[in-house]
Amino acid sequence: MRQHYQSKSRRLTRRAASTVLAGTALALAAGIGAPAMAAEWPTKAITIVVAYPAGGGTDISIRALTDTLGEKLGQPILVQNVGGAGGGVAATKVAKEPADGYTLLATNSTSITLAPLVQKALYDMDSFEHVAIIGEFQNAFFTGSKQPYDSLDGLIKTVKAENRAIKGASQLAIDRLVMQFIAKERGVEFVPVPVSGGSGSVQAVMSGDVDVAFSGGSWAPIVKAGDAKALFAASYERLKLAPDLVSMKDLGFPFGVTAHISLHAPAGTPPEVVKKIAAALEPAVNSEMVQTVGQKRFMDMTYRGGDAAAAVMKKERETYVTLVKTVGMN
């Protein structure tokens, strides 16, 4: 009986040891396998979900780089437009996708850095790996050519003299936030007039329905044609493509806002995969086609990837946190 018990005990010990060794082997294989899988990635088509309808600045810039990006990664790049909620619908969709690098989000960076602060969202900054910044919108405020003012100070003097609020075309949280801050600081009221996209801002200005409007580049052609006047850049420093236009810094404000065209992957995407996408994006953004699109649409197509992209997103977020606390947003 004792001999039988000892024999059974030895068998159990050997079985336990075998289980531990097998588990260790599997763990080692998983550790070794992750980089190997990343090295093989991608093995199928990659989908970039653009957070806006076809034809906008983000959409056309992404479509301009798909051929080069696909060539560098060795797989087709598919573009899917998912508009709604200022980029929020697409961001929510991509945040829920598998973290395998096969579904990416292309959006205006404010949909991630600002939108979750001022509206209900099912995602936040930590829902994504920030792959790259591929461009920068040339944000500015402008007005109609027939208005009696051609500067921010002129606008403020006009509304004060007429004892009324500033009426501003508003398409995004970013323009409302900036104009509410300015109005509060300069002692006037601001009334947002909802419009759809840059074209809506242009139409509102051209019709004289508003005193001021904001866009990321739609203002440039009509200003050049003499149908509108640029009042000031929304950025802290002067715009790269409009260096003569005064900036928020020039006007004495302690902040500026800049919206970027940014590319993101779901949180948890392997670092090696993120790096591979970022490395392939750089030559794609620097290609002649993308740079030509940027010039035509008045966008600065300058690439920043990896830590530099994450730093841009973090700084942008910090600016909006401060502004929202100062102004408050409904």
C-alpha atoms as a PDB file:
ATOM      1  CA  MET A   1       0.000   0.000   0.000  1.00  0.00           C
ATOM      2  CA  ARG A   2       2.816   2.375   0.948  1.00  0.00           C
ATOM      3  CA  GLN A   3       4.659   1.492  -2.260  1.00  0.00           C
ATOM      4  CA  HIS A   4       1.493   2.158  -4.310  1.00  0.00           C
ATOM      5  CA  TYR A   5       1.056   5.577  -2.646  1.00  0.00           C
ATOM      6  CA  GLN A   6       4.699   6.554  -3.287  1.00  0.00           C
ATOM      7  CA  SER A   7       4.418   5.499  -6.935  1.00  0.00           C
ATOM      8  CA  LYS A   8       1.218   7.532  -7.375  1.00  0.00           C
ATOM      9  CA  SER A   9       2.852  10.529  -5.646  1.00  0.00           C
ATOM     10  CA  ARG A  10       5.858  10.371  -7.997  1.00  0.00           C
ATOM     11  CA  ARG A  11       3.506  10.261 -11.008  1.00  0.00           C
ATOM     12  CA  LEU A  12       1.643  13.345  -9.738  1.00  0.00           C
ATOM     13  CA  THR A  13       4.925  15.200  -9.141  1.00  0.00           C
ATOM     14  CA  ARG A  14       6.152  14.381 -12.643  1.00  0.00           C
ATOM     15  CA  ARG A  15       2.792  15.510 -14.106  1.00  0.00           C
ATOM     16  CA  ALA A  16       2.933  18.826 -12.179  1.00  0.00           C
ATOM     17  CA  ALA A  17       6.488  19.428 -13.326  1.00  0.00           C
ATOM     18  CA  SER A  18       5.488  18.705 -16.910  1.00  0.00           C
ATOM     19  CA  THR A  19       2.612  21.201 -16.601  1.00  0.00           C
ATOM     20  CA  VAL A  20       4.922  23.912 -15.265  1.00  0.00           C
ATOM     21  CA  LEU A  21       7.463  23.270 -18.019  1.00  0.00           C
ATOM     22  CA  ALA A  22       4.749  23.340 -20.672  1.00  0.00           C
ATOM     23  CA  GLY A  23       3.397  26.604 -19.274  1.00  0.00           C
ATOM     24  CA  THR A  24       6.866  28.111 -19.228  1.00  0.00           C
ATOM     25  CA  ALA A  25       7.453  27.023 -22.803  1.00  0.00           C
ATOM     26  CA  LEU A  26       4.179  28.583 -23.903  1.00  0.00           C
ATOM     27  CA  ALA A  27       5.017  31.839 -22.113  1.00  0.00           C
ATOM     28  CA  LEU A  28       8.435  31.940 -23.746  1.00  0.00           C
ATOM     29  CA  ALA A  29       6.906  31.178 -27.123  1.00  0.00           C
ATOM     30  CA  ALA A  30       4.395  33.992 -26.677  1.00  0.00           C
ATOM     31  CA  GLY A  31       7.179  36.394 -25.750  1.00  0.00           C
ATOM     32  CA  ILE A  32       9.252  35.362 -28.717  1.00  0.00           C
ATOM     33  CA  GLY A  33       6.245  35.215 -31.016  1.00  0.00           C
ATOM     34  CA  ALA A  34       5.051  38.815 -30.514  1.00  0.00           C
ATOM     35  CA  PRO A  35       8.008  40.460 -32.292  1.00  0.00           C
ATOM     36  CA  ALA A  36       7.878  37.755 -34.943  1.00  0.00           C
ATOM     37  CA  MET A  37       4.220  38.499 -35.603  1.00  0.00           C
ATOM     38  CA  ALA A  38       5.013  42.221 -35.781  1.00  0.00           C
ATOM     39  CA  ALA A  39       7.810  41.476 -38.242  1.00  0.00           C
ATOM     40  CA  GLU A  40       5.364  39.626 -40.504  1.00  0.00           C
ATOM     41  CA  TRP A  41       2.699  42.328 -40.192  1.00  0.00           C
ATOM     42  CA  PRO A  42       0.799  43.257 -42.335  1.00  0.00           C
ATOM     43  CA  THR A  43      -0.566  40.161 -44.030  1.00  0.00           C
ATOM     44  CA  LYS A  44      -3.804  41.713 -45.297  1.00  0.00           C
ATOM     45  CA  ALA A  45      -5.333  45.030 -46.342  1.00  0.00           C
ATOM     46  CA  ILE A  46      -5.342  47.938 -43.880  1.00  0.00           C
ATOM     47  CA  THR A  47      -8.396  50.164 -43.457  1.00  0.00           C
ATOM     48  CA  ILE A  48      -8.077  53.859 -42.623  1.00  0.00           C
ATOM     49  CA  VAL A  49     -11.332  55.220 -41.233  1.00  0.00           C
ATOM     50  CA  VAL A  50     -11.587  58.915 -42.131  1.00  0.00           C
ATOM     51  CA  ALA A  51     -13.726  60.727 -39.583  1.00  0.00           C
ATOM     52  CA  TYR A  52     -15.419  63.029 -42.104  1.00  0.00           C
ATOM     53  CA  PRO A  53     -17.272  62.834 -45.420  1.00  0.00           C
ATOM     54  CA  ALA A  54     -15.343  62.530 -48.680  1.00  0.00           C
ATOM     55  CA  GLY A  55     -13.867  65.703 -50.138  1.00  0.00           C
ATOM     56  CA  GLY A  56     -12.633  67.436 -46.985  1.00  0.00           C
ATOM     57  CA  GLY A  57      -9.024  68.224 -46.130  1.00  0.00           C
ATOM     58  CA  THR A  58      -8.480  65.124 -43.992  1.00  0.00           C
ATOM     59  CA  ASP A  59     -10.063  62.860 -46.593  1.00  0.00           C
ATOM     60  CA  ILE A  60      -8.140  64.097 -49.612  1.00  0.00           C
ATOM     61  CA  SER A  61      -4.808  64.103 -47.783  1.00  0.00           C
ATOM     62  CA  ILE A  62      -5.300  60.478 -46.722  1.00  0.00           C
ATOM     63  CA  ARG A  63      -6.354  59.398 -50.210  1.00  0.00           C
ATOM     64  CA  ALA A  64      -3.297  61.120 -51.662  1.00  0.00           C
ATOM     65  CA  LEU A  65      -0.916  59.005 -49.578  1.00  0.00           C
ATOM     66  CA  THR A  66      -2.561  55.569 -49.841  1.00  0.00           C
ATOM     67  CA  ASP A  67      -0.567  54.410 -52.876  1.00  0.00           C
ATOM     68  CA  THR A  68       2.824  55.197 -51.335  1.00  0.00           C
ATOM     69  CA  LEU A  69       1.794  53.898 -47.915  1.00  0.00           C
ATOM     70  CA  GLY A  70       0.489  50.662 -49.426  1.00  0.00           C
ATOM     71  CA  GLU A  71       3.681  50.229 -51.413  1.00  0.00           C
ATOM     72  CA  LYS A  72       5.838  50.673 -48.305  1.00  0.00           C
ATOM     73  CA  LEU A  73       3.744  48.264 -46.216  1.00  0.00           C
ATOM     74  CA  GLY A  74       3.168  45.756 -49.012  1.00  0.00           C
ATOM     75  CA  GLN A  75      -0.622  45.670 -48.635  1.00  0.00           C
ATOM     76  CA  PRO A  76      -3.585  47.635 -50.052  1.00  0.00           C
ATOM     77  CA  ILE A  77      -4.840  50.627 -48.084  1.00  0.00           C
ATOM     78  CA  LEU A  78      -8.621  50.968 -47.980  1.00  0.00           C
ATOM     79  CA  VAL A  79     -10.318  54.251 -47.057  1.00  0.00           C
ATOM     80  CA  GLN A  80     -13.671  54.291 -45.281  1.00  0.00           C
ATOM     81  CA  ASN A  81     -15.499  57.571 -44.577  1.00  0.00           C
ATOM     82  CA  VAL A  82     -17.466  57.585 -41.312  1.00  0.00           C
ATOM     83  CA  GLY A  83     -18.724  61.088 -40.563  1.00  0.00           C
ATOM     84  CA  GLY A  84     -20.698  62.377 -37.602  1.00  0.00           C
ATOM     85  CA  ALA A  85     -20.310  64.198 -34.277  1.00  0.00           C
ATOM     86  CA  GLY A  86     -17.270  66.159 -35.445  1.00  0.00           C
ATOM     87  CA  GLY A  87     -15.207  62.996 -35.783  1.00  0.00           C
ATOM     88  CA  GLY A  88     -16.696  61.321 -32.722  1.00  0.00           C
ATOM     89  CA  VAL A  89     -18.558  58.561 -34.550  1.00  0.00           C
ATOM     90  CA  ALA A  90     -15.428  57.343 -36.326  1.00  0.00           C
ATOM     91  CA  ALA A  91     -13.288  57.662 -33.186  1.00  0.00           C
ATOM     92  CA  THR A  92     -15.766  55.569 -31.216  1.00  0.00           C
ATOM     93  CA  LYS A  93     -15.787  52.929 -33.951  1.00  0.00           C
ATOM     94  CA  VAL A  94     -11.999  52.612 -34.243  1.00  0.00           C
ATOM     95  CA  ALA A  95     -11.443  52.630 -30.474  1.00  0.00           C
ATOM     96  CA  LYS A  96     -13.478  49.384 -30.309  1.00  0.00           C
ATOM     97  CA  GLU A  97     -11.599  47.627 -33.136  1.00  0.00           C
ATOM     98  CA  PRO A  98      -9.011  44.897 -32.462  1.00  0.00           C
ATOM     99  CA  ALA A  99      -5.611  46.352 -31.561  1.00  0.00           C
ATOM    100  CA  ASP A 100      -3.844  44.682 -34.475  1.00  0.00           C
ATOM    101  CA  GLY A 101      -2.981  47.636 -36.721  1.00  0.00           C
ATOM    102  CA  TYR A 102      -5.447  46.731 -39.451  1.00  0.00           C
ATOM    103  CA  THR A 103      -7.924  49.515 -38.628  1.00  0.00           C
ATOM    104  CA  LEU A 104      -6.661  53.076 -38.183  1.00  0.00           C
ATOM    105  CA  LEU A 105      -8.328  56.431 -37.558  1.00  0.00           C
ATOM    106  CA  ALA A 106      -7.590  59.578 -39.562  1.00  0.00           C
ATOM    107  CA  THR A 107      -9.116  62.660 -37.990  1.00  0.00           C
ATOM    108  CA  ASN A 108      -8.801  66.265 -36.933  1.00  0.00           C
ATOM    109  CA  SER A 109      -6.803  66.013 -33.712  1.00  0.00           C
ATOM    110  CA  THR A 110      -9.380  68.095 -31.826  1.00  0.00           C
ATOM    111  CA  SER A 111     -11.844  65.196 -32.051  1.00  0.00           C
ATOM    112  CA  ILE A 112      -9.550  63.423 -29.581  1.00  0.00           C
ATOM    113  CA  THR A 113      -7.920  66.255 -27.621  1.00  0.00           C
ATOM    114  CA  LEU A 114     -10.969  68.519 -27.211  1.00  0.00           C
ATOM    115  CA  ALA A 115     -14.247  66.765 -28.017  1.00  0.00           C
ATOM    116  CA  PRO A 116     -14.246  64.394 -24.990  1.00  0.00           C
ATOM    117  CA  LEU A 117     -13.887  67.460 -22.738  1.00  0.00           C
ATOM    118  CA  VAL A 118     -16.996  69.221 -24.017  1.00  0.00           C
ATOM    119  CA  GLN A 119     -19.362  66.477 -25.122  1.00  0.00           C
ATOM    120  CA  LYS A 120     -20.284  62.924 -24.188  1.00  0.00           C
ATOM    121  CA  ALA A 121     -17.802  60.518 -25.745  1.00  0.00           C
ATOM    122  CA  LEU A 122     -17.135  56.780 -25.477  1.00  0.00           C
ATOM    123  CA  TYR A 123     -13.397  57.319 -25.900  1.00  0.00           C
ATOM    124  CA  ASP A 124     -10.584  59.581 -24.693  1.00  0.00           C
ATOM    125  CA  MET A 125      -6.882  60.184 -25.302  1.00  0.00           C
ATOM    126  CA  ASP A 126      -5.967  56.832 -23.762  1.00  0.00           C
ATOM    127  CA  SER A 127      -8.212  54.951 -26.190  1.00  0.00           C
ATOM    128  CA  PHE A 128      -5.572  55.299 -28.932  1.00  0.00           C
ATOM    129  CA  GLU A 129      -1.947  54.909 -29.855  1.00  0.00           C
ATOM    130  CA  HIS A 130      -0.987  58.202 -31.543  1.00  0.00           C
ATOM    131  CA  VAL A 131       0.796  57.025 -34.680  1.00  0.00           C
ATOM    132  CA  ALA A 132       1.595  60.266 -36.480  1.00  0.00           C
ATOM    133  CA  ILE A 133       0.720  63.866 -37.251  1.00  0.00           C
ATOM    134  CA  ILE A 134       0.640  64.210 -41.034  1.00  0.00           C
ATOM    135  CA  GLY A 135      -0.512  67.786 -41.494  1.00  0.00           C
ATOM    136  CA  GLU A 136      -1.575  71.039 -39.888  1.00  0.00           C
ATOM    137  CA  PHE A 137      -4.636  73.093 -40.716  1.00  0.00           C
ATOM    138  CA  GLN A 138      -4.048  76.826 -41.111  1.00  0.00           C
ATOM    139  CA  ASN A 139      -6.728  77.916 -38.653  1.00  0.00           C
ATOM    140  CA  ALA A 140      -7.843  81.540 -38.868  1.00  0.00           C
ATOM    141  CA  PHE A 141     -10.785  83.846 -38.205  1.00  0.00           C
ATOM    142  CA  PHE A 142     -12.098  85.925 -41.102  1.00  0.00           C
ATOM    143  CA  THR A 143     -14.905  88.270 -42.054  1.00  0.00           C
ATOM    144  CA  GLY A 144     -16.657  89.620 -45.137  1.00  0.00           C
ATOM    145  CA  SER A 145     -14.958  92.218 -47.302  1.00  0.00           C
ATOM    146  CA  LYS A 146     -17.796  94.730 -46.764  1.00  0.00           C
ATOM    147  CA  GLN A 147     -17.478  94.780 -42.985  1.00  0.00           C
ATOM    148  CA  PRO A 148     -16.108  98.074 -41.570  1.00  0.00           C
ATOM    149  CA  TYR A 149     -13.332  96.356 -39.572  1.00  0.00           C
ATOM    150  CA  ASP A 150     -10.234  94.440 -40.622  1.00  0.00           C
ATOM    151  CA  SER A 151      -8.831  93.395 -37.242  1.00  0.00           C
ATOM    152  CA  LEU A 152      -9.973  91.890 -33.949  1.00  0.00           C
ATOM    153  CA  ASP A 153      -9.784  95.289 -32.249  1.00  0.00           C
ATOM    154  CA  GLY A 154     -11.941  96.762 -35.014  1.00  0.00           C
ATOM    155  CA  LEU A 155     -14.524  94.002 -34.526  1.00  0.00           C
ATOM    156  CA  ILE A 156     -14.647  94.582 -30.759  1.00  0.00           C
ATOM    157  CA  LYS A 157     -15.048  98.358 -31.211  1.00  0.00           C
ATOM    158  CA  THR A 158     -17.864  97.849 -33.719  1.00  0.00           C
ATOM    159  CA  VAL A 159     -19.985  95.561 -31.540  1.00  0.00           C
ATOM    160  CA  LYS A 160     -19.413  97.717 -28.472  1.00  0.00           C
ATOM    161  CA  ALA A 161     -20.469 100.828 -30.387  1.00  0.00           C
ATOM    162  CA  GLU A 162     -23.602  99.020 -31.585  1.00  0.00           C
ATOM    163  CA  ASN A 163     -24.216  97.588 -28.084  1.00  0.00           C
ATOM    164  CA  ARG A 164     -24.581  94.005 -29.241  1.00  0.00           C
ATOM    165  CA  ALA A 165     -22.921  90.602 -29.183  1.00  0.00           C
ATOM    166  CA  ILE A 166     -20.488  89.206 -31.717  1.00  0.00           C
ATOM    167  CA  LYS A 167     -22.222  86.776 -34.056  1.00  0.00           C
ATOM    168  CA  GLY A 168     -19.855  84.026 -35.172  1.00  0.00           C
ATOM    169  CA  ALA A 169     -20.261  81.105 -37.552  1.00  0.00           C
ATOM    170  CA  SER A 170     -19.513  77.983 -35.523  1.00  0.00           C
ATOM    171  CA  GLN A 171     -18.775  74.547 -36.937  1.00  0.00           C
ATOM    172  CA  LEU A 172     -16.622  73.012 -34.192  1.00  0.00           C
ATOM    173  CA  ALA A 173     -16.072  73.191 -30.449  1.00  0.00           C
ATOM    174  CA  ILE A 174     -12.669  74.739 -31.104  1.00  0.00           C
ATOM    175  CA  ASP A 175     -14.021  77.951 -32.689  1.00  0.00           C
ATOM    176  CA  ARG A 176     -16.643  78.429 -29.963  1.00  0.00           C
ATOM    177  CA  LEU A 177     -14.015  77.913 -27.280  1.00  0.00           C
ATOM    178  CA  VAL A 178     -11.638  80.512 -28.729  1.00  0.00           C
ATOM    179  CA  MET A 179     -14.304  83.128 -29.447  1.00  0.00           C
ATOM    180  CA  GLN A 180     -15.887  82.694 -26.006  1.00  0.00           C
ATOM    181  CA  PHE A 181     -12.483  83.225 -24.412  1.00  0.00           C
ATOM    182  CA  ILE A 182     -11.827  86.327 -26.529  1.00  0.00           C
ATOM    183  CA  ALA A 183     -15.284  87.760 -25.865  1.00  0.00           C
ATOM    184  CA  LYS A 184     -14.944  87.222 -22.132  1.00  0.00           C
ATOM    185  CA  GLU A 185     -11.493  88.800 -22.070  1.00  0.00           C
ATOM    186  CA  ARG A 186     -12.567  91.808 -24.157  1.00  0.00           C
ATOM    187  CA  GLY A 187     -15.814  92.410 -22.303  1.00  0.00           C
ATOM    188  CA  VAL A 188     -18.392  91.507 -24.964  1.00  0.00           C
ATOM    189  CA  GLU A 189     -20.860  88.716 -25.603  1.00  0.00           C
ATOM    190  CA  PHE A 190     -20.507  85.983 -28.226  1.00  0.00           C
ATOM    191  CA  VAL A 191     -23.410  84.254 -29.958  1.00  0.00           C
ATOM    192  CA  PRO A 192     -22.522  81.160 -32.034  1.00  0.00           C
ATOM    193  CA  VAL A 193     -24.422  80.586 -35.285  1.00  0.00           C
ATOM    194  CA  PRO A 194     -24.220  76.869 -36.176  1.00  0.00           C
ATOM    195  CA  VAL A 195     -22.933  76.073 -39.679  1.00  0.00           C
ATOM    196  CA  SER A 196     -21.767  72.933 -41.448  1.00  0.00           C
ATOM    197  CA  GLY A 197     -18.065  72.733 -42.260  1.00  0.00           C
ATOM    198  CA  GLY A 198     -15.745  75.285 -43.787  1.00  0.00           C
ATOM    199  CA  SER A 199     -18.137  75.866 -46.670  1.00  0.00           C
ATOM    200  CA  GLY A 200     -20.856  76.817 -44.186  1.00  0.00           C
ATOM    201  CA  SER A 201     -18.528  79.326 -42.551  1.00  0.00           C
ATOM    202  CA  VAL A 202     -17.694  80.855 -45.913  1.00  0.00           C
ATOM    203  CA  GLN A 203     -21.352  81.114 -46.891  1.00  0.00           C
ATOM    204  CA  ALA A 204     -22.296  82.762 -43.570  1.00  0.00           C
ATOM    205  CA  VAL A 205     -19.559  85.359 -43.973  1.00  0.00           C
ATOM    206  CA  MET A 206     -20.284  86.060 -47.623  1.00  0.00           C
ATOM    207  CA  SER A 207     -23.992  86.574 -46.901  1.00  0.00           C
ATOM    208  CA  GLY A 208     -23.273  88.936 -44.019  1.00  0.00           C
ATOM    209  CA  ASP A 209     -25.167  86.742 -41.553  1.00  0.00           C
ATOM    210  CA  VAL A 210     -22.230  86.736 -39.117  1.00  0.00           C
ATOM    211  CA  ASP A 211     -19.484  89.098 -38.003  1.00  0.00           C
ATOM    212  CA  VAL A 212     -16.735  86.508 -37.992  1.00  0.00           C
ATOM    213  CA  ALA A 213     -16.074  82.890 -38.943  1.00  0.00           C
ATOM    214  CA  PHE A 214     -13.396  80.249 -38.452  1.00  0.00           C
ATOM    215  CA  SER A 215     -11.917  77.691 -40.814  1.00  0.00           C
ATOM    216  CA  GLY A 216      -8.833  75.583 -41.291  1.00  0.00           C
ATOM    217  CA  GLY A 217      -8.091  76.883 -44.795  1.00  0.00           C
ATOM    218  CA  SER A 218     -11.354  77.636 -46.597  1.00  0.00           C
ATOM    219  CA  TRP A 219     -10.770  81.299 -45.824  1.00  0.00           C
ATOM    220  CA  ALA A 220      -7.612  81.589 -47.917  1.00  0.00           C
ATOM    221  CA  PRO A 221      -9.106  81.477 -51.468  1.00  0.00           C
ATOM    222  CA  ILE A 222     -11.845  84.018 -50.757  1.00  0.00           C
ATOM    223  CA  VAL A 223      -9.404  86.341 -48.993  1.00  0.00           C
ATOM    224  CA  LYS A 224      -7.085  86.108 -51.983  1.00  0.00           C
ATOM    225  CA  ALA A 225     -10.021  86.875 -54.290  1.00  0.00           C
ATOM    226  CA  GLY A 226     -10.900  89.966 -52.259  1.00  0.00           C
ATOM    227  CA  ASP A 227     -14.260  88.623 -51.057  1.00  0.00           C
ATOM    228  CA  ALA A 228     -13.207  88.331 -47.409  1.00  0.00           C
ATOM    229  CA  LYS A 229     -10.655  89.663 -44.929  1.00  0.00           C
ATOM    230  CA  ALA A 230      -8.516  87.542 -42.611  1.00  0.00           C
ATOM    231  CA  LEU A 231      -8.616  88.980 -39.084  1.00  0.00           C
ATOM    232  CA  PHE A 232      -6.136  86.810 -37.181  1.00  0.00           C
ATOM    233  CA  ALA A 233      -4.654  83.327 -36.973  1.00  0.00           C
ATOM    234  CA  ALA A 234      -6.013  81.041 -34.258  1.00  0.00           C
ATOM    235  CA  SER A 235      -2.545  79.625 -33.573  1.00  0.00           C
ATOM    236  CA  TYR A 236      -0.145  80.958 -30.951  1.00  0.00           C
ATOM    237  CA  GLU A 237       2.648  81.484 -33.468  1.00  0.00           C
ATOM    238  CA  ARG A 238       2.060  82.838 -36.973  1.00  0.00           C
ATOM    239  CA  LEU A 239       0.881  80.416 -39.616  1.00  0.00           C
ATOM    240  CA  LYS A 240       3.529  78.827 -41.791  1.00  0.00           C
ATOM    241  CA  LEU A 241       1.524  79.485 -44.960  1.00  0.00           C
ATOM    242  CA  ALA A 242       0.343  82.980 -43.945  1.00  0.00           C
ATOM    243  CA  PRO A 243       3.236  84.571 -42.018  1.00  0.00           C
ATOM    244  CA  ASP A 244       1.891  88.123 -42.405  1.00  0.00           C
ATOM    245  CA  LEU A 245      -1.321  87.342 -40.520  1.00  0.00           C
ATOM    246  CA  VAL A 246      -1.200  88.297 -36.825  1.00  0.00           C
ATOM    247  CA  SER A 247      -1.371  85.418 -34.341  1.00  0.00           C
ATOM    248  CA  MET A 248      -2.919  84.968 -30.915  1.00  0.00           C
ATOM    249  CA  LYS A 249       0.500  85.704 -29.435  1.00  0.00           C
ATOM    250  CA  ASP A 250       0.666  88.977 -31.371  1.00  0.00           C
ATOM    251  CA  LEU A 251      -2.743  89.923 -29.961  1.00  0.00           C
ATOM    252  CA  GLY A 252      -1.539  89.364 -26.408  1.00  0.00           C
ATOM    253  CA  PHE A 253      -3.275  86.080 -25.649  1.00  0.00           C
ATOM    254  CA  PRO A 254      -1.424  83.391 -23.651  1.00  0.00           C
ATOM    255  CA  PHE A 255      -2.540  80.528 -25.899  1.00  0.00           C
ATOM    256  CA  GLY A 256      -3.302  79.511 -29.439  1.00  0.00           C
ATOM    257  CA  VAL A 257      -5.097  76.565 -31.005  1.00  0.00           C
ATOM    258  CA  THR A 258      -3.869  74.435 -33.871  1.00  0.00           C
ATOM    259  CA  ALA A 259      -5.746  71.523 -35.384  1.00  0.00           C
ATOM    260  CA  HIS A 260      -3.757  68.676 -36.910  1.00  0.00           C
ATOM    261  CA  ILE A 261      -4.516  65.866 -39.319  1.00  0.00           C
ATOM    262  CA  SER A 262      -3.639  62.896 -37.143  1.00  0.00           C
ATOM    263  CA  LEU A 263      -3.527  59.124 -37.493  1.00  0.00           C
ATOM    264  CA  HIS A 264      -4.290  56.754 -34.614  1.00  0.00           C
ATOM    265  CA  ALA A 265      -4.517  53.046 -33.819  1.00  0.00           C
ATOM    266  CA  PRO A 266      -6.598  51.385 -31.070  1.00  0.00           C
ATOM    267  CA  ALA A 267      -4.885  51.348 -27.674  1.00  0.00           C
ATOM    268  CA  GLY A 268      -2.791  48.235 -27.181  1.00  0.00           C
ATOM    269  CA  THR A 269      -1.621  47.952 -30.776  1.00  0.00           C
ATOM    270  CA  PRO A 270       1.898  46.428 -30.593  1.00  0.00           C
ATOM    271  CA  PRO A 271       4.627  49.107 -30.525  1.00  0.00           C
ATOM    272  CA  GLU A 272       6.475  47.383 -33.377  1.00  0.00           C
ATOM    273  CA  VAL A 273       3.375  47.652 -35.581  1.00  0.00           C
ATOM    274  CA  VAL A 274       2.852  51.313 -34.678  1.00  0.00           C
ATOM    275  CA  LYS A 275       6.495  52.044 -35.536  1.00  0.00           C
ATOM    276  CA  LYS A 276       6.167  50.238 -38.855  1.00  0.00           C
ATOM    277  CA  ILE A 277       3.105  52.300 -39.818  1.00  0.00           C
ATOM    278  CA  ALA A 278       4.789  55.541 -38.754  1.00  0.00           C
ATOM    279  CA  ALA A 279       7.947  54.727 -40.713  1.00  0.00           C
ATOM    280  CA  ALA A 280       5.925  54.067 -43.862  1.00  0.00           C
ATOM    281  CA  LEU A 281       3.874  57.231 -43.396  1.00  0.00           C
ATOM    282  CA  GLU A 282       6.854  59.594 -43.489  1.00  0.00           C
ATOM    283  CA  PRO A 283       7.772  59.062 -47.170  1.00  0.00           C
ATOM    284  CA  ALA A 284       4.069  58.964 -48.039  1.00  0.00           C
ATOM    285  CA  VAL A 285       3.466  62.396 -46.476  1.00  0.00           C
ATOM    286  CA  ASN A 286       6.592  63.787 -48.121  1.00  0.00           C
ATOM    287  CA  SER A 287       5.536  62.514 -51.549  1.00  0.00           C
ATOM    288  CA  GLU A 288       4.905  65.005 -54.328  1.00  0.00           C
ATOM    289  CA  MET A 289       1.227  64.113 -54.502  1.00  0.00           C
ATOM    290  CA  VAL A 290       0.530  64.799 -50.815  1.00  0.00           C
ATOM    291  CA  GLN A 291       2.550  68.007 -50.824  1.00  0.00           C
ATOM    292  CA  THR A 292       0.670  69.218 -53.900  1.00  0.00           C
ATOM    293  CA  VAL A 293      -2.668  68.471 -52.241  1.00  0.00           C
ATOM    294  CA  GLY A 294      -1.524  70.428 -49.186  1.00  0.00           C
ATOM    295  CA  GLN A 295      -0.615  73.456 -51.268  1.00  0.00           C
ATOM    296  CA  LYS A 296      -3.917  73.419 -53.130  1.00  0.00           C
ATOM    297  CA  ARG A 297      -5.957  73.081 -49.934  1.00  0.00           C
ATOM    298  CA  PHE A 298      -3.800  75.468 -47.879  1.00  0.00           C
ATOM    299  CA  MET A 299      -2.596  72.824 -45.433  1.00  0.00           C
ATOM    300  CA  ASP A 300       0.923  72.399 -44.082  1.00  0.00           C
ATOM    301  CA  MET A 301       1.730  68.740 -44.727  1.00  0.00           C
ATOM    302  CA  THR A 302       4.595  68.234 -42.288  1.00  0.00           C
ATOM    303  CA  TYR A 303       5.173  64.758 -40.826  1.00  0.00           C
ATOM    304  CA  ARG A 304       5.739  64.042 -37.134  1.00  0.00           C
ATOM    305  CA  GLY A 305       5.691  60.485 -35.841  1.00  0.00           C
ATOM    306  CA  GLY A 306       6.207  58.446 -32.704  1.00  0.00           C
ATOM    307  CA  ASP A 307       7.073  60.420 -29.562  1.00  0.00           C
ATOM    308  CA  ALA A 308       6.848  63.726 -31.444  1.00  0.00           C
ATOM    309  CA  ALA A 309       3.232  63.000 -32.442  1.00  0.00           C
ATOM    310  CA  ALA A 310       2.318  61.946 -28.900  1.00  0.00           C
ATOM    311  CA  ALA A 311       3.895  65.145 -27.541  1.00  0.00           C
ATOM    312  CA  VAL A 312       1.834  67.287 -29.937  1.00  0.00           C
ATOM    313  CA  MET A 313      -1.362  65.558 -28.845  1.00  0.00           C
ATOM    314  CA  LYS A 314      -0.495  65.934 -25.162  1.00  0.00           C
ATOM    315  CA  LYS A 315       0.300  69.645 -25.451  1.00  0.00           C
ATOM    316  CA  GLU A 316      -2.867  70.247 -27.454  1.00  0.00           C
ATOM    317  CA  ARG A 317      -4.917  68.456 -24.815  1.00  0.00           C
ATOM    318  CA  GLU A 318      -3.372  70.496 -21.996  1.00  0.00           C
ATOM    319  CA  THR A 319      -4.246  73.747 -23.780  1.00  0.00           C
ATOM    320  CA  TYR A 320      -7.900  72.740 -24.134  1.00  0.00           C
ATOM    321  CA  VAL A 321      -8.161  71.564 -20.527  1.00  0.00           C
ATOM    322  CA  THR A 322      -7.015  75.011 -19.394  1.00  0.00           C
ATOM    323  CA  LEU A 323      -9.342  76.856 -21.774  1.00  0.00           C
ATOM    324  CA  VAL A 324     -12.378  74.780 -20.889  1.00  0.00           C
ATOM    325  CA  LYS A 325     -11.766  75.400 -17.178  1.00  0.00           C
ATOM    326  CA  THR A 326     -11.465  79.141 -17.871  1.00  0.00           C
ATOM    327  CA  VAL A 327     -14.430  79.555 -20.191  1.00  0.00           C
ATOM    328  CA  GLY A 328     -16.647  76.573 -19.510  1.00  0.00           C
ATOM    329  CA  MET A 329     -18.468  74.800 -22.334  1.00  0.00           C
ATOM    330  CA  ASN A 330     -22.079  73.682 -22.535  1.00  0.00           C
END
